[in-house]
C-alpha atoms as a PDB file:
ATOM      1  CA  UNK A   1       0.000   0.000   0.000  1.00  0.00           C
ATOM      2  CA  UNK A   2       1.417   3.365  -0.991  1.00  0.00           C
ATOM      3  CA  UNK A   3       1.589   5.898   1.799  1.00  0.00           C
ATOM      4  CA  UNK A   4       0.461   9.479   1.407  1.00  0.00           C
ATOM      5  CA  UNK A   5       2.147  12.087   3.565  1.00  0.00           C
ATOM      6  CA  UNK A   6       0.092  15.004   4.866  1.00  0.00           C
ATOM      7  CA  UNK A   7       0.948  18.411   6.255  1.00  0.00           C
ATOM      8  CA  UNK A   8      -1.813  19.266   8.708  1.00  0.00           C
ATOM      9  CA  UNK A   9      -2.289  22.887   9.727  1.00  0.00           C
ATOM     10  CA  UNK A  10      -3.857  24.179  12.908  1.00  0.00           C
ATOM     11  CA  UNK A  11      -3.540  27.306  15.043  1.00  0.00           C
ATOM     12  CA  UNK A  12      -3.477  27.921  18.781  1.00  0.00           C
ATOM     13  CA  UNK A  13      -3.461  30.999  20.983  1.00  0.00           C
ATOM     14  CA  UNK A  14      -0.132  30.468  22.725  1.00  0.00           C
ATOM     15  CA  UNK A  15       3.174  28.718  22.208  1.00  0.00           C
ATOM     16  CA  UNK A  16       2.636  26.739  25.424  1.00  0.00           C
ATOM     17  CA  UNK A  17      -0.695  25.388  24.114  1.00  0.00           C
ATOM     18  CA  UNK A  18       0.904  24.538  20.781  1.00  0.00           C
ATOM     19  CA  UNK A  19       3.916  22.845  22.370  1.00  0.00           C
ATOM     20  CA  UNK A  20       1.696  20.771  24.679  1.00  0.00           C
ATOM     21  CA  UNK A  21      -0.504  19.647  21.783  1.00  0.00           C
ATOM     22  CA  UNK A  22       2.401  18.730  19.500  1.00  0.00           C
ATOM     23  CA  UNK A  23       4.208  16.767  22.219  1.00  0.00           C
ATOM     24  CA  UNK A  24       1.061  14.738  22.931  1.00  0.00           C
ATOM     25  CA  UNK A  25       0.550  14.003  19.236  1.00  0.00           C
ATOM     26  CA  UNK A  26       4.185  12.951  18.718  1.00  0.00           C
ATOM     27  CA  UNK A  27       4.109  10.747  21.828  1.00  0.00           C
ATOM     28  CA  UNK A  28       0.907   9.091  20.527  1.00  0.00           C
ATOM     29  CA  UNK A  29       2.626   8.527  17.137  1.00  0.00           C
ATOM     30  CA  UNK A  30      -0.134  10.418  15.357  1.00  0.00           C
ATOM     31  CA  UNK A  31       2.431  12.800  13.842  1.00  0.00           C
ATOM     32  CA  UNK A  32       6.125  12.462  13.102  1.00  0.00           C
ATOM     33  CA  UNK A  33       6.787  16.067  14.056  1.00  0.00           C
ATOM     34  CA  UNK A  34       5.225  19.463  14.461  1.00  0.00           C
ATOM     35  CA  UNK A  35       6.637  22.872  13.642  1.00  0.00           C
ATOM     36  CA  UNK A  36       5.505  25.904  15.663  1.00  0.00           C
ATOM     37  CA  UNK A  37       5.432  29.244  13.858  1.00  0.00           C
ATOM     38  CA  UNK A  38       4.836  31.944  16.469  1.00  0.00           C
ATOM     39  CA  UNK A  39       3.641  35.481  15.851  1.00  0.00           C
ATOM     40  CA  UNK A  40       1.088  34.865  13.118  1.00  0.00           C
ATOM     41  CA  UNK A  41      -1.769  37.341  12.744  1.00  0.00           C
ATOM     42  CA  UNK A  42      -5.170  35.915  11.910  1.00  0.00           C
ATOM     43  CA  UNK A  43      -8.029  38.107  10.727  1.00  0.00           C
ATOM     44  CA  UNK A  44     -11.387  36.371  10.482  1.00  0.00           C
ATOM     45  CA  UNK A  45     -15.116  36.750  11.012  1.00  0.00           C
ATOM     46  CA  UNK A  46     -16.487  34.826  13.986  1.00  0.00           C
ATOM     47  CA  UNK A  47     -20.108  35.048  15.084  1.00  0.00           C
ATOM     48  CA  UNK A  48     -20.665  38.129  12.941  1.00  0.00           C
ATOM     49  CA  UNK A  49     -17.669  40.092  14.241  1.00  0.00           C
ATOM     50  CA  UNK A  50     -14.369  40.650  12.407  1.00  0.00           C
ATOM     51  CA  UNK A  51     -11.569  39.753  14.778  1.00  0.00           C
ATOM     52  CA  UNK A  52      -7.779  39.942  14.727  1.00  0.00           C
ATOM     53  CA  UNK A  53      -5.700  37.649  16.918  1.00  0.00           C
ATOM     54  CA  UNK A  54      -2.065  36.702  17.336  1.00  0.00           C
ATOM     55  CA  UNK A  55      -1.720  32.941  17.013  1.00  0.00           C
ATOM     56  CA  UNK A  56       0.823  30.155  16.693  1.00  0.00           C
ATOM     57  CA  UNK A  57       0.577  28.252  13.409  1.00  0.00           C
ATOM     58  CA  UNK A  58       1.347  24.564  13.821  1.00  0.00           C
ATOM     59  CA  UNK A  59       2.412  22.406  10.883  1.00  0.00           C
ATOM     60  CA  UNK A  60       2.015  18.707  11.652  1.00  0.00           C
ATOM     61  CA  UNK A  61       3.617  16.067   9.444  1.00  0.00           C
ATOM     62  CA  UNK A  62       1.894  12.689   9.284  1.00  0.00           C
ATOM     63  CA  UNK A  63       0.588   9.917   7.063  1.00  0.00           C
ATOM     64  CA  UNK A  64      -2.933   9.957   5.627  1.00  0.00           C
ATOM     65  CA  UNK A  65      -3.656   6.688   7.431  1.00  0.00           C
ATOM     66  CA  UNK A  66      -3.515   8.661  10.713  1.00  0.00           C
ATOM     67  CA  UNK A  67      -5.972  11.396   9.649  1.00  0.00           C
ATOM     68  CA  UNK A  68      -9.095  10.112  11.415  1.00  0.00           C
ATOM     69  CA  UNK A  69      -7.305   9.445  14.711  1.00  0.00           C
ATOM     70  CA  UNK A  70      -5.352  12.702  14.464  1.00  0.00           C
ATOM     71  CA  UNK A  71      -8.475  14.786  13.806  1.00  0.00           C
ATOM     72  CA  UNK A  72     -10.222  13.149  16.775  1.00  0.00           C
ATOM     73  CA  UNK A  73      -7.219  13.761  19.059  1.00  0.00           C
ATOM     74  CA  UNK A  74      -6.992  17.407  18.026  1.00  0.00           C
ATOM     75  CA  UNK A  75     -10.733  17.980  18.527  1.00  0.00           C
ATOM     76  CA  UNK A  76     -10.418  16.389  21.984  1.00  0.00           C
ATOM     77  CA  UNK A  77      -7.360  18.416  23.057  1.00  0.00           C
ATOM     78  CA  UNK A  78      -7.766  21.718  21.221  1.00  0.00           C
ATOM     79  CA  UNK A  79      -8.977  24.664  23.318  1.00  0.00           C
ATOM     80  CA  UNK A  80     -10.872  26.376  20.460  1.00  0.00           C
ATOM     81  CA  UNK A  81     -14.590  25.774  19.995  1.00  0.00           C
ATOM     82  CA  UNK A  82     -13.932  25.181  16.285  1.00  0.00           C
ATOM     83  CA  UNK A  83     -10.230  24.676  15.576  1.00  0.00           C
ATOM     84  CA  UNK A  84      -8.740  25.310  12.178  1.00  0.00           C
ATOM     85  CA  UNK A  85      -7.736  21.897  10.892  1.00  0.00           C
ATOM     86  CA  UNK A  86      -6.629  21.478   7.280  1.00  0.00           C
ATOM     87  CA  UNK A  87      -4.836  18.503   5.735  1.00  0.00           C
ATOM     88  CA  UNK A  88      -2.688  19.189   2.691  1.00  0.00           C
ATOM     89  CA  UNK A  89      -1.431  16.183   0.710  1.00  0.00           C
ATOM     90  CA  UNK A  90       2.279  16.067  -0.019  1.00  0.00           C
ATOM     91  CA  UNK A  91       2.811  15.598  -3.739  1.00  0.00           C
ATOM     92  CA  UNK A  92       6.615  15.367  -3.635  1.00  0.00           C
ATOM     93  CA  UNK A  93       9.224  15.081  -0.911  1.00  0.00           C
ATOM     94  CA  UNK A  94      12.696  13.825  -0.146  1.00  0.00           C
ATOM     95  CA  UNK A  95      12.426  10.015  -0.084  1.00  0.00           C
ATOM     96  CA  UNK A  96      14.530   9.668   3.056  1.00  0.00           C
ATOM     97  CA  UNK A  97      12.368  12.208   4.922  1.00  0.00           C
ATOM     98  CA  UNK A  98       9.117  10.591   3.800  1.00  0.00           C
ATOM     99  CA  UNK A  99      10.409   7.179   4.887  1.00  0.00           C
ATOM    100  CA  UNK A 100      11.345   8.589   8.292  1.00  0.00           C
ATOM    101  CA  UNK A 101       7.936  10.234   8.596  1.00  0.00           C
ATOM    102  CA  UNK A 102       6.151   6.954   7.823  1.00  0.00           C
ATOM    103  CA  UNK A 103       8.297   5.035  10.321  1.00  0.00           C
ATOM    104  CA  UNK A 104       7.476   7.491  13.113  1.00  0.00           C
ATOM    105  CA  UNK A 105       3.702   7.126  12.829  1.00  0.00           C
ATOM    106  CA  UNK A 106       3.538   3.334  12.604  1.00  0.00           C
END
């Protein structure tokens, strides 16, 4: 069976929240790694009001076979009422990295 790598994107309010979430997901082998990008500005409409917040963008690297369990774990642990959660398929990547990624989530 051919594996399909995913980059999964979510955001959190603080670096501590992001770090705690990523560590739990790595320990559970739902993701191979997570990258925290602090200082992002998000502008969005929520409940009829345009808001602007500083957030931490989190890029999670995993295999598509983990998507259902990963989405459930994030919904369970994420502090937002409706977290941003997007999965982007990886079309190309360094073979050695993709092999490592697959080995870390199995």
